[in-house]
């Protein structure tokens, strides 16, 4: 999955920039499973979802703000859709906008592309990190959604 994103980033402009910024700005860290330690497809999907949410927000599930039942999933969910940009890591936003400067001088267009892309990624992260394994998005749908996002961004 990450190879697909990295390869696409090397070929695309701002349209895939946010994927590039996410993976460059946040090096892969140890990913843990949600509840339990048994390796399953559902556990992998959960880990992928949490990883996406970590990259987008710059927060770890173990951060001190997450206590008494409040968690990373809930943090992002409460911000959707109108306050998402408030929980996005500021360094990530500036990195993506900076990369986008070489492709478009239209600030409003760049911001809209970035906002729409972040919203789509946040929704994927949330769908993958549902508490119940049966409610999680499957990887075929994740790939389909990422390809759909890429196709939309390519036509902007």
N, C-alpha and C. Protein backbone atom coordinates (compact mmCIF):
# COMPACT_ATOMS: atom_id res chain seq x y z
N UNK A 1 0.81 -1.19 0.00
CA UNK A 1 0.00 0.00 0.00
C UNK A 1 0.86 1.26 0.00
N UNK A 2 1.83 1.34 0.89
CA UNK A 2 2.65 2.55 0.93
C UNK A 2 3.48 2.69 -0.33
N UNK A 3 3.89 1.58 -0.97
CA UNK A 3 4.63 1.68 -2.21
C UNK A 3 3.78 2.31 -3.30
N UNK A 4 2.52 1.94 -3.38
CA UNK A 4 1.59 2.53 -4.34
C UNK A 4 1.53 4.04 -4.14
N UNK A 5 1.38 4.45 -2.91
CA UNK A 5 1.26 5.88 -2.62
C UNK A 5 2.56 6.60 -2.94
N UNK A 6 3.69 6.03 -2.56
CA UNK A 6 4.97 6.68 -2.83
C UNK A 6 5.24 6.76 -4.33
N UNK A 7 4.95 5.71 -5.07
CA UNK A 7 5.16 5.71 -6.51
C UNK A 7 4.28 6.76 -7.16
N UNK A 8 3.02 6.80 -6.78
CA UNK A 8 2.10 7.77 -7.35
C UNK A 8 2.56 9.19 -7.03
N UNK A 9 3.10 9.40 -5.85
CA UNK A 9 3.54 10.74 -5.47
C UNK A 9 4.68 11.21 -6.35
N UNK A 10 5.55 10.30 -6.73
CA UNK A 10 6.68 10.68 -7.56
C UNK A 10 6.21 11.14 -8.94
N UNK A 11 5.03 10.71 -9.37
CA UNK A 11 4.52 11.02 -10.70
C UNK A 11 3.51 12.16 -10.71
N UNK A 12 2.97 12.52 -9.59
CA UNK A 12 1.86 13.48 -9.55
C UNK A 12 2.31 14.82 -9.02
N UNK A 13 1.41 15.80 -9.15
CA UNK A 13 1.67 17.11 -8.60
C UNK A 13 0.98 17.26 -7.26
N UNK A 14 0.36 18.37 -7.01
CA UNK A 14 -0.28 18.59 -5.70
C UNK A 14 -1.38 17.58 -5.44
N UNK A 15 -1.91 16.99 -6.50
CA UNK A 15 -3.02 16.07 -6.38
C UNK A 15 -2.72 14.91 -5.45
N UNK A 16 -1.48 14.49 -5.39
CA UNK A 16 -1.12 13.39 -4.51
C UNK A 16 -0.12 13.88 -3.46
N UNK A 17 0.09 15.17 -3.45
CA UNK A 17 1.05 15.77 -2.52
C UNK A 17 0.73 15.43 -1.08
N UNK A 18 -0.55 15.43 -0.73
CA UNK A 18 -0.85 15.20 0.68
C UNK A 18 -0.47 13.80 1.11
N UNK A 19 -0.55 12.81 0.22
CA UNK A 19 -0.06 11.48 0.56
C UNK A 19 1.44 11.54 0.81
N UNK A 20 2.15 12.21 -0.08
CA UNK A 20 3.60 12.35 0.03
C UNK A 20 3.97 13.04 1.33
N UNK A 21 3.29 14.15 1.60
CA UNK A 21 3.59 14.90 2.82
C UNK A 21 3.35 14.05 4.06
N UNK A 22 2.30 13.27 4.05
CA UNK A 22 2.01 12.42 5.19
C UNK A 22 3.13 11.43 5.44
N UNK A 23 3.57 10.75 4.39
CA UNK A 23 4.57 9.71 4.57
C UNK A 23 5.97 10.28 4.81
N UNK A 24 6.28 11.44 4.25
CA UNK A 24 7.59 12.04 4.48
C UNK A 24 7.63 12.71 5.84
N UNK A 25 6.56 13.40 6.18
CA UNK A 25 6.53 14.18 7.42
C UNK A 25 6.48 13.29 8.65
N UNK A 26 5.89 12.11 8.52
CA UNK A 26 5.75 11.20 9.65
C UNK A 26 6.34 9.86 9.28
N UNK A 27 7.59 9.61 9.63
CA UNK A 27 8.16 8.31 9.32
C UNK A 27 7.38 7.19 10.00
N UNK A 28 7.36 6.04 9.34
CA UNK A 28 6.62 4.89 9.87
C UNK A 28 7.14 4.55 11.26
N UNK A 29 6.22 4.49 12.19
CA UNK A 29 6.56 4.13 13.56
C UNK A 29 5.93 2.78 13.86
N UNK A 30 6.25 2.25 14.99
CA UNK A 30 5.67 0.97 15.39
C UNK A 30 4.16 1.11 15.45
N UNK A 31 3.49 0.18 14.80
CA UNK A 31 2.03 0.19 14.78
C UNK A 31 1.54 -0.94 15.66
N UNK A 32 0.62 -0.63 16.52
CA UNK A 32 0.08 -1.64 17.43
C UNK A 32 -1.35 -1.97 17.05
N UNK A 33 -1.79 -3.14 17.48
CA UNK A 33 -3.17 -3.54 17.25
C UNK A 33 -4.05 -2.90 18.30
N UNK A 34 -5.33 -2.82 18.00
CA UNK A 34 -6.30 -2.22 18.93
C UNK A 34 -6.44 -3.05 20.18
N UNK A 35 -7.47 -3.84 20.24
CA UNK A 35 -7.74 -4.68 21.40
C UNK A 35 -7.22 -6.07 21.09
N UNK A 36 -6.34 -6.59 21.93
CA UNK A 36 -5.78 -7.92 21.69
C UNK A 36 -4.53 -7.84 20.84
N UNK A 37 -3.82 -8.95 20.75
CA UNK A 37 -2.57 -8.97 20.02
C UNK A 37 -2.55 -9.98 18.88
N UNK A 38 -3.66 -10.65 18.65
CA UNK A 38 -3.72 -11.65 17.60
C UNK A 38 -3.65 -10.95 16.24
N UNK A 39 -2.80 -11.49 15.35
CA UNK A 39 -2.67 -10.90 14.03
C UNK A 39 -3.84 -11.34 13.15
N UNK A 40 -4.60 -10.36 12.68
CA UNK A 40 -5.74 -10.63 11.80
C UNK A 40 -5.81 -9.53 10.75
N UNK A 41 -6.57 -9.77 9.69
CA UNK A 41 -6.79 -8.73 8.68
C UNK A 41 -7.47 -7.53 9.32
N UNK A 42 -8.42 -7.81 10.19
CA UNK A 42 -9.14 -6.72 10.85
C UNK A 42 -8.20 -5.89 11.72
N UNK A 43 -7.24 -6.56 12.37
CA UNK A 43 -6.24 -5.85 13.17
C UNK A 43 -5.34 -4.99 12.31
N UNK A 44 -4.98 -5.51 11.13
CA UNK A 44 -4.17 -4.73 10.20
C UNK A 44 -4.93 -3.49 9.73
N UNK A 45 -6.20 -3.66 9.46
CA UNK A 45 -7.02 -2.54 9.01
C UNK A 45 -7.13 -1.50 10.12
N UNK A 46 -7.33 -1.96 11.36
CA UNK A 46 -7.38 -1.04 12.50
C UNK A 46 -6.07 -0.26 12.61
N UNK A 47 -4.95 -0.96 12.51
CA UNK A 47 -3.64 -0.31 12.62
C UNK A 47 -3.45 0.71 11.51
N UNK A 48 -3.87 0.36 10.30
CA UNK A 48 -3.76 1.30 9.18
C UNK A 48 -4.59 2.55 9.47
N UNK A 49 -5.80 2.37 9.98
CA UNK A 49 -6.65 3.51 10.29
C UNK A 49 -6.05 4.42 11.35
N UNK A 50 -5.54 3.82 12.41
CA UNK A 50 -4.90 4.61 13.47
C UNK A 50 -3.66 5.31 12.93
N UNK A 51 -2.89 4.62 12.11
CA UNK A 51 -1.70 5.21 11.50
C UNK A 51 -2.08 6.44 10.67
N UNK A 52 -3.12 6.34 9.86
CA UNK A 52 -3.58 7.50 9.08
C UNK A 52 -3.96 8.65 10.00
N UNK A 53 -4.71 8.35 11.05
CA UNK A 53 -5.14 9.40 11.98
C UNK A 53 -3.94 10.03 12.70
N UNK A 54 -2.95 9.21 13.04
CA UNK A 54 -1.72 9.73 13.66
C UNK A 54 -1.00 10.67 12.71
N UNK A 55 -0.86 10.26 11.46
CA UNK A 55 -0.14 11.09 10.49
C UNK A 55 -0.85 12.41 10.25
N UNK A 56 -2.16 12.37 10.17
CA UNK A 56 -2.93 13.58 9.89
C UNK A 56 -2.89 14.55 11.06
N UNK A 57 -3.01 14.04 12.27
CA UNK A 57 -3.12 14.91 13.45
C UNK A 57 -1.78 15.19 14.14
N UNK A 58 -0.81 14.31 13.92
CA UNK A 58 0.44 14.44 14.65
C UNK A 58 0.33 13.97 16.09
N UNK A 59 -0.77 13.35 16.43
CA UNK A 59 -1.00 12.86 17.79
C UNK A 59 -0.89 11.35 17.83
N UNK A 60 -0.44 10.84 18.97
CA UNK A 60 -0.34 9.40 19.20
C UNK A 60 -1.51 8.97 20.07
N UNK A 61 -1.94 7.74 19.94
CA UNK A 61 -3.03 7.26 20.79
C UNK A 61 -2.70 7.33 22.28
N UNK A 62 -1.41 7.42 22.60
CA UNK A 62 -0.97 7.46 23.99
C UNK A 62 -0.78 8.88 24.52
N UNK A 63 -1.09 9.91 23.72
CA UNK A 63 -0.94 11.29 24.17
C UNK A 63 -1.80 11.54 25.41
N UNK A 64 -1.34 12.45 26.23
CA UNK A 64 -1.99 12.71 27.52
C UNK A 64 -3.42 13.25 27.39
N UNK A 65 -3.78 13.82 26.25
CA UNK A 65 -5.16 14.33 26.12
C UNK A 65 -6.18 13.20 25.99
N UNK A 66 -5.68 12.00 25.69
CA UNK A 66 -6.58 10.87 25.51
C UNK A 66 -6.66 10.06 26.80
N UNK A 67 -7.64 10.40 27.62
CA UNK A 67 -7.87 9.66 28.86
C UNK A 67 -9.37 9.52 29.09
N UNK A 68 -9.71 8.65 29.99
CA UNK A 68 -11.10 8.43 30.39
C UNK A 68 -12.03 8.18 29.20
N UNK A 69 -11.63 7.28 28.31
CA UNK A 69 -12.48 6.89 27.19
C UNK A 69 -12.35 7.76 25.96
N UNK A 70 -11.68 8.89 26.05
CA UNK A 70 -11.46 9.76 24.89
C UNK A 70 -10.23 9.24 24.17
N UNK A 71 -10.33 9.06 22.86
CA UNK A 71 -9.21 8.49 22.11
C UNK A 71 -9.01 9.22 20.79
N UNK A 72 -8.00 8.80 20.05
CA UNK A 72 -7.65 9.43 18.78
C UNK A 72 -8.81 9.36 17.79
N UNK A 73 -9.45 8.22 17.72
CA UNK A 73 -10.61 8.05 16.84
C UNK A 73 -11.69 9.09 17.17
N UNK A 74 -12.02 9.22 18.43
CA UNK A 74 -13.04 10.18 18.87
C UNK A 74 -12.62 11.62 18.64
N UNK A 75 -11.34 11.89 18.80
CA UNK A 75 -10.78 13.23 18.60
C UNK A 75 -11.01 13.70 17.17
N UNK A 76 -10.72 12.82 16.22
CA UNK A 76 -10.90 13.17 14.81
C UNK A 76 -12.39 13.20 14.46
N UNK A 77 -13.12 12.23 14.96
CA UNK A 77 -14.55 12.14 14.65
C UNK A 77 -15.31 13.39 15.09
N UNK A 78 -14.98 13.92 16.27
CA UNK A 78 -15.68 15.10 16.77
C UNK A 78 -15.37 16.34 15.93
N UNK A 79 -14.27 16.32 15.20
CA UNK A 79 -13.88 17.48 14.40
C UNK A 79 -14.50 17.47 13.00
N UNK A 80 -15.05 16.33 12.60
CA UNK A 80 -15.60 16.23 11.24
C UNK A 80 -16.98 16.86 11.15
N UNK A 81 -17.30 17.46 10.03
CA UNK A 81 -16.40 17.84 8.96
C UNK A 81 -15.88 19.26 9.10
N UNK A 82 -16.57 20.07 9.88
CA UNK A 82 -16.30 21.51 9.89
C UNK A 82 -15.04 21.94 10.62
N UNK A 83 -14.57 21.15 11.58
CA UNK A 83 -13.42 21.57 12.38
C UNK A 83 -12.19 20.70 12.14
N UNK A 84 -12.20 19.92 11.09
CA UNK A 84 -11.08 19.02 10.83
C UNK A 84 -9.76 19.76 10.73
N UNK A 85 -9.75 20.88 10.04
CA UNK A 85 -8.49 21.60 9.84
C UNK A 85 -7.90 22.09 11.17
N UNK A 86 -8.73 22.17 12.21
CA UNK A 86 -8.24 22.58 13.53
C UNK A 86 -7.43 21.47 14.20
N UNK A 87 -7.67 20.21 13.83
CA UNK A 87 -6.95 19.11 14.47
C UNK A 87 -5.84 18.55 13.59
N UNK A 88 -5.71 19.07 12.37
CA UNK A 88 -4.62 18.64 11.49
C UNK A 88 -3.32 19.24 12.01
N UNK A 89 -2.27 18.46 11.96
CA UNK A 89 -0.97 18.94 12.42
C UNK A 89 -0.53 20.14 11.58
N UNK A 90 -0.24 21.28 12.21
CA UNK A 90 0.13 22.48 11.46
C UNK A 90 1.34 22.29 10.54
N UNK A 91 2.32 21.55 10.99
CA UNK A 91 3.50 21.31 10.15
C UNK A 91 3.17 20.56 8.88
N UNK A 92 2.21 19.67 8.97
CA UNK A 92 1.77 18.91 7.81
C UNK A 92 1.08 19.83 6.81
N UNK A 93 0.22 20.71 7.30
CA UNK A 93 -0.47 21.65 6.42
C UNK A 93 0.51 22.54 5.68
N UNK A 94 1.46 23.11 6.41
CA UNK A 94 2.42 24.00 5.77
C UNK A 94 3.30 23.25 4.78
N UNK A 95 3.68 22.01 5.09
CA UNK A 95 4.48 21.21 4.16
C UNK A 95 3.73 20.96 2.87
N UNK A 96 2.48 20.59 2.97
CA UNK A 96 1.67 20.32 1.77
C UNK A 96 1.45 21.58 0.96
N UNK A 97 1.17 22.68 1.62
CA UNK A 97 0.97 23.93 0.89
C UNK A 97 2.25 24.39 0.22
N UNK A 98 3.39 24.18 0.89
CA UNK A 98 4.68 24.56 0.31
C UNK A 98 4.98 23.74 -0.94
N UNK A 99 4.76 22.44 -0.87
CA UNK A 99 4.97 21.59 -2.04
C UNK A 99 4.04 22.02 -3.16
N UNK A 100 2.83 22.39 -2.83
CA UNK A 100 1.85 22.80 -3.83
C UNK A 100 2.18 24.11 -4.51
N UNK A 101 3.07 24.93 -3.94
CA UNK A 101 3.42 26.21 -4.54
C UNK A 101 4.03 26.07 -5.93
N UNK A 102 4.70 24.96 -6.17
CA UNK A 102 5.31 24.75 -7.48
C UNK A 102 4.31 24.39 -8.55
N UNK A 103 3.10 24.10 -8.17
CA UNK A 103 2.11 23.62 -9.14
C UNK A 103 0.96 24.58 -9.36
N UNK A 104 0.65 25.38 -8.38
CA UNK A 104 -0.48 26.29 -8.52
C UNK A 104 -0.25 27.49 -7.62
N UNK A 105 -0.54 28.66 -8.15
CA UNK A 105 -0.44 29.88 -7.36
C UNK A 105 -1.80 30.27 -6.77
N UNK A 106 -2.83 29.54 -7.14
CA UNK A 106 -4.19 29.80 -6.66
C UNK A 106 -4.34 29.24 -5.24
N UNK A 107 -4.19 30.11 -4.26
CA UNK A 107 -4.21 29.69 -2.85
C UNK A 107 -5.54 29.05 -2.46
N UNK A 108 -6.64 29.61 -2.94
CA UNK A 108 -7.96 29.06 -2.59
C UNK A 108 -8.10 27.65 -3.15
N UNK A 109 -7.64 27.44 -4.36
CA UNK A 109 -7.73 26.11 -4.99
C UNK A 109 -6.86 25.10 -4.24
N UNK A 110 -5.63 25.51 -3.92
CA UNK A 110 -4.73 24.62 -3.17
C UNK A 110 -5.33 24.26 -1.82
N UNK A 111 -5.88 25.24 -1.13
CA UNK A 111 -6.47 24.99 0.19
C UNK A 111 -7.66 24.05 0.10
N UNK A 112 -8.49 24.24 -0.93
CA UNK A 112 -9.67 23.38 -1.11
C UNK A 112 -9.24 21.95 -1.42
N UNK A 113 -8.24 21.77 -2.28
CA UNK A 113 -7.73 20.44 -2.60
C UNK A 113 -7.20 19.78 -1.34
N UNK A 114 -6.42 20.52 -0.57
CA UNK A 114 -5.84 19.99 0.67
C UNK A 114 -6.94 19.62 1.67
N UNK A 115 -7.90 20.50 1.84
CA UNK A 115 -8.98 20.25 2.79
C UNK A 115 -9.81 19.03 2.40
N UNK A 116 -10.16 18.94 1.13
CA UNK A 116 -10.94 17.79 0.66
C UNK A 116 -10.16 16.49 0.81
N UNK A 117 -8.87 16.54 0.49
CA UNK A 117 -8.04 15.35 0.63
C UNK A 117 -7.90 14.91 2.08
N UNK A 118 -7.69 15.86 2.97
CA UNK A 118 -7.56 15.53 4.39
C UNK A 118 -8.86 14.97 4.94
N UNK A 119 -9.99 15.54 4.51
CA UNK A 119 -11.29 15.05 4.96
C UNK A 119 -11.50 13.60 4.50
N UNK A 120 -11.15 13.32 3.26
CA UNK A 120 -11.29 11.96 2.74
C UNK A 120 -10.39 10.99 3.49
N UNK A 121 -9.15 11.39 3.74
CA UNK A 121 -8.23 10.53 4.48
C UNK A 121 -8.70 10.32 5.91
N UNK A 122 -9.22 11.36 6.54
CA UNK A 122 -9.73 11.23 7.91
C UNK A 122 -10.90 10.25 7.94
N UNK A 123 -11.77 10.34 6.96
CA UNK A 123 -12.91 9.41 6.92
C UNK A 123 -12.45 7.97 6.73
N UNK A 124 -11.44 7.77 5.91
CA UNK A 124 -10.90 6.42 5.74
C UNK A 124 -10.29 5.95 7.06
N UNK A 125 -9.49 6.82 7.70
CA UNK A 125 -8.89 6.46 8.99
C UNK A 125 -9.93 6.10 10.03
N UNK A 126 -11.02 6.85 10.07
CA UNK A 126 -12.09 6.56 11.02
C UNK A 126 -12.79 5.25 10.69
N UNK A 127 -13.06 5.03 9.41
CA UNK A 127 -13.75 3.79 9.01
C UNK A 127 -12.90 2.56 9.29
N UNK A 128 -11.59 2.71 9.20
CA UNK A 128 -10.69 1.57 9.46
C UNK A 128 -10.47 1.33 10.95
N UNK A 129 -10.66 2.36 11.76
CA UNK A 129 -10.35 2.23 13.19
C UNK A 129 -11.60 2.13 14.06
N UNK A 130 -12.67 1.65 13.49
CA UNK A 130 -13.88 1.40 14.28
C UNK A 130 -13.55 0.36 15.35
N UNK A 131 -14.17 0.49 16.51
CA UNK A 131 -13.87 -0.43 17.60
C UNK A 131 -14.23 -1.87 17.26
N UNK A 132 -15.37 -2.06 16.63
CA UNK A 132 -15.81 -3.41 16.28
C UNK A 132 -15.20 -3.83 14.94
N UNK A 133 -14.47 -4.95 14.90
CA UNK A 133 -13.86 -5.39 13.65
C UNK A 133 -14.85 -5.53 12.50
N UNK A 134 -16.07 -5.93 12.79
CA UNK A 134 -17.07 -6.10 11.75
C UNK A 134 -17.53 -4.79 11.11
N UNK A 135 -17.30 -3.68 11.79
CA UNK A 135 -17.70 -2.37 11.27
C UNK A 135 -16.59 -1.69 10.47
N UNK A 136 -15.40 -2.27 10.46
CA UNK A 136 -14.26 -1.63 9.79
C UNK A 136 -14.35 -1.79 8.27
N UNK A 137 -13.84 -0.79 7.59
CA UNK A 137 -13.73 -0.84 6.14
C UNK A 137 -12.75 -1.95 5.77
N UNK A 138 -13.01 -2.68 4.70
CA UNK A 138 -12.04 -3.70 4.30
C UNK A 138 -11.01 -3.08 3.36
N UNK A 139 -9.87 -3.74 3.21
CA UNK A 139 -8.77 -3.16 2.45
C UNK A 139 -9.11 -2.96 0.98
N UNK A 140 -9.95 -3.80 0.41
CA UNK A 140 -10.38 -3.58 -0.98
C UNK A 140 -11.08 -2.24 -1.10
N UNK A 141 -11.93 -1.94 -0.14
CA UNK A 141 -12.63 -0.65 -0.15
C UNK A 141 -11.68 0.51 0.14
N UNK A 142 -10.70 0.29 1.00
CA UNK A 142 -9.69 1.32 1.28
C UNK A 142 -8.96 1.67 -0.01
N UNK A 143 -8.49 0.64 -0.71
CA UNK A 143 -7.77 0.87 -1.96
C UNK A 143 -8.67 1.57 -2.97
N UNK A 144 -9.90 1.12 -3.07
CA UNK A 144 -10.86 1.75 -3.99
C UNK A 144 -11.04 3.23 -3.64
N UNK A 145 -11.19 3.54 -2.36
CA UNK A 145 -11.37 4.93 -1.93
C UNK A 145 -10.14 5.78 -2.22
N UNK A 146 -8.95 5.22 -1.96
CA UNK A 146 -7.72 5.97 -2.25
C UNK A 146 -7.59 6.22 -3.75
N UNK A 147 -7.94 5.24 -4.56
CA UNK A 147 -7.91 5.42 -6.02
C UNK A 147 -8.95 6.44 -6.46
N UNK A 148 -10.12 6.43 -5.82
CA UNK A 148 -11.17 7.40 -6.13
C UNK A 148 -10.70 8.82 -5.80
N UNK A 149 -10.07 8.98 -4.65
CA UNK A 149 -9.54 10.28 -4.25
C UNK A 149 -8.50 10.73 -5.27
N UNK A 150 -7.61 9.84 -5.63
CA UNK A 150 -6.57 10.15 -6.61
C UNK A 150 -7.19 10.58 -7.94
N UNK A 151 -8.21 9.86 -8.40
CA UNK A 151 -8.86 10.19 -9.68
C UNK A 151 -9.52 11.56 -9.62
N UNK A 152 -10.19 11.85 -8.51
CA UNK A 152 -10.83 13.16 -8.36
C UNK A 152 -9.78 14.26 -8.38
N UNK A 153 -8.71 14.06 -7.63
CA UNK A 153 -7.66 15.08 -7.56
C UNK A 153 -6.95 15.26 -8.89
N UNK A 154 -6.82 14.21 -9.66
CA UNK A 154 -6.18 14.32 -10.97
C UNK A 154 -7.00 15.17 -11.94
N UNK A 155 -8.29 15.23 -11.72
CA UNK A 155 -9.16 15.99 -12.62
C UNK A 155 -9.41 17.41 -12.14
N UNK A 156 -8.73 17.83 -11.08
CA UNK A 156 -8.95 19.20 -10.59
C UNK A 156 -8.01 20.17 -11.26
